[in-house]
Amino acid sequence: MDKEQARTTARSLGIINLILGIWLILSPFIFSYESGAMTNSIVLGIVVAILAIIRLSAPSQTWASWLNGIAGLWLIVSPFIFGFMQTALLWDQIIVGIVVAVLGFWNGTLAMPMKPTHHITQ
């Protein structure tokens, strides 16, 4: 994959994670989550969205994508840890968590090279 393809892919993955972060913020109001599940979804939505924005605005900051991958893993396990077993909530968190994790880790592997420095020749 050349630099331009990597940049385009990283940008696309970041945009999708940003949309998923927004979805996590909105989904508790759509599905009427209980308060603990609502807090978890909103907080993780904010985290996912902010990390996606960081990655989009500073392409060399791959750490943000790796953290999004970890946030996705948390989304997958959090319903089981906290006992949020409403069907819509459970599947929403698991599916979104899988997608956020996969996209985050994938995007983390797409290191954006820094601008080349100019060497002074004598």
Protein backbone atom coordinates (compact mmCIF):
# COMPACT_ATOMS: atom_id res chain seq x y z
CA MET A 1 0.00 0.00 0.00
CA ASP A 2 1.51 3.32 -1.01
CA LYS A 3 1.43 6.47 1.15
CA GLU A 4 -1.62 7.94 -0.54
CA GLN A 5 -3.63 4.72 -0.22
CA ALA A 6 -2.63 4.42 3.45
CA ARG A 7 -3.65 8.03 4.08
CA THR A 8 -7.02 7.54 2.35
CA THR A 9 -7.68 4.29 4.22
CA ALA A 10 -6.70 5.81 7.57
CA ARG A 11 -8.98 8.79 6.92
CA SER A 12 -11.90 6.55 5.95
CA LEU A 13 -11.47 4.36 9.03
CA GLY A 14 -11.25 7.46 11.22
CA ILE A 15 -14.47 8.88 9.76
CA ILE A 16 -16.30 5.59 10.34
CA ASN A 17 -15.09 5.49 13.97
CA LEU A 18 -16.21 9.10 14.41
CA ILE A 19 -19.69 8.17 13.14
CA LEU A 20 -19.74 5.15 15.47
CA GLY A 21 -18.78 7.40 18.39
CA ILE A 22 -21.70 9.67 17.58
CA TRP A 23 -23.95 6.61 17.30
CA LEU A 24 -22.86 5.47 20.77
CA ILE A 25 -23.81 8.87 22.17
CA LEU A 26 -27.25 8.79 20.50
CA SER A 27 -28.18 5.10 20.84
CA PRO A 28 -29.17 5.21 24.54
CA PHE A 29 -31.86 7.74 23.66
CA ILE A 30 -33.07 5.67 20.71
CA PHE A 31 -33.19 2.36 22.62
CA SER A 32 -34.02 3.77 26.09
CA TYR A 33 -31.07 2.25 27.94
CA GLU A 34 -31.05 2.05 31.72
CA SER A 35 -28.93 4.72 33.43
CA GLY A 36 -25.71 2.68 33.90
CA ALA A 37 -25.77 1.45 30.33
CA MET A 38 -26.57 4.96 29.15
CA THR A 39 -23.55 6.37 30.96
CA ASN A 40 -21.26 3.67 29.59
CA SER A 41 -22.45 4.22 26.03
CA ILE A 42 -22.25 8.02 26.16
CA VAL A 43 -18.81 8.07 27.79
CA LEU A 44 -17.43 5.51 25.34
CA GLY A 45 -19.05 7.38 22.46
CA ILE A 46 -17.30 10.58 23.50
CA VAL A 47 -13.98 8.72 23.88
CA VAL A 48 -14.29 7.00 20.48
CA ALA A 49 -15.29 10.25 18.75
CA ILE A 50 -12.47 12.29 20.34
CA LEU A 51 -9.86 9.66 19.50
CA ALA A 52 -11.14 9.50 15.92
CA ILE A 53 -10.93 13.30 15.66
CA ILE A 54 -7.37 13.25 17.01
CA ARG A 55 -6.38 10.64 14.43
CA LEU A 56 -8.10 12.56 11.62
CA SER A 57 -6.51 15.87 12.56
CA ALA A 58 -3.04 14.46 13.27
CA PRO A 59 -2.50 11.43 11.00
CA SER A 60 0.82 10.51 12.61
CA GLN A 61 -0.87 9.97 16.00
CA THR A 62 -1.50 6.24 15.64
CA TRP A 63 -1.81 5.86 19.42
CA ALA A 64 -5.33 7.32 19.15
CA SER A 65 -6.37 4.48 16.86
CA TRP A 66 -4.84 1.86 19.17
CA LEU A 67 -6.79 3.35 22.08
CA ASN A 68 -9.94 3.23 19.98
CA GLY A 69 -9.27 -0.46 19.43
CA ILE A 70 -9.09 -0.94 23.20
CA ALA A 71 -12.30 1.09 23.64
CA GLY A 72 -13.95 -1.27 21.15
CA LEU A 73 -12.87 -4.27 23.22
CA TRP A 74 -14.36 -2.60 26.31
CA LEU A 75 -17.65 -2.13 24.45
CA ILE A 76 -17.74 -5.86 23.69
CA VAL A 77 -17.24 -6.98 27.30
CA SER A 78 -18.97 -4.16 29.23
CA PRO A 79 -22.53 -5.52 28.93
CA PHE A 80 -21.39 -8.78 30.53
CA ILE A 81 -19.39 -7.05 33.27
CA PHE A 82 -22.23 -4.70 34.22
CA GLY A 83 -25.10 -7.08 33.41
CA PHE A 84 -26.68 -4.93 30.69
CA MET A 85 -28.63 -7.71 29.02
CA GLN A 86 -31.41 -5.87 27.18
CA THR A 87 -31.35 -7.40 23.70
CA ALA A 88 -30.99 -4.13 21.77
CA LEU A 89 -28.34 -2.83 24.15
CA LEU A 90 -26.38 -6.07 24.20
CA TRP A 91 -26.18 -6.42 20.42
CA ASP A 92 -25.62 -2.72 19.85
CA GLN A 93 -22.63 -2.69 22.21
CA ILE A 94 -21.17 -5.96 20.86
CA ILE A 95 -21.55 -5.10 17.16
CA VAL A 96 -20.35 -1.52 17.52
CA GLY A 97 -17.53 -2.72 19.79
CA ILE A 98 -16.33 -5.25 17.22
CA VAL A 99 -16.37 -2.68 14.44
CA VAL A 100 -14.64 0.01 16.55
CA ALA A 101 -11.99 -2.48 17.70
CA VAL A 102 -11.26 -3.82 14.22
CA LEU A 103 -11.16 -0.35 12.64
CA GLY A 104 -9.11 1.09 15.50
CA PHE A 105 -6.47 -1.63 15.41
CA TRP A 106 -6.39 -1.61 11.61
CA ASN A 107 -6.02 2.16 11.56
CA GLY A 108 -3.27 1.89 14.17
CA THR A 109 -1.22 -0.23 11.79
CA LEU A 110 -1.42 2.46 9.12
CA ALA A 111 1.44 4.62 10.31
CA MET A 112 1.55 7.91 8.48
CA PRO A 113 5.10 8.86 7.66
CA MET A 114 6.19 12.28 8.80
CA LYS A 115 7.08 14.85 6.18
CA PRO A 116 10.62 14.24 5.00
CA THR A 117 13.23 16.54 6.37
CA HIS A 118 15.54 18.29 3.96
CA HIS A 119 19.17 17.47 4.31
CA ILE A 120 21.69 20.17 3.76
CA THR A 121 24.50 19.02 1.52
CA GLN A 122 27.86 20.65 1.57
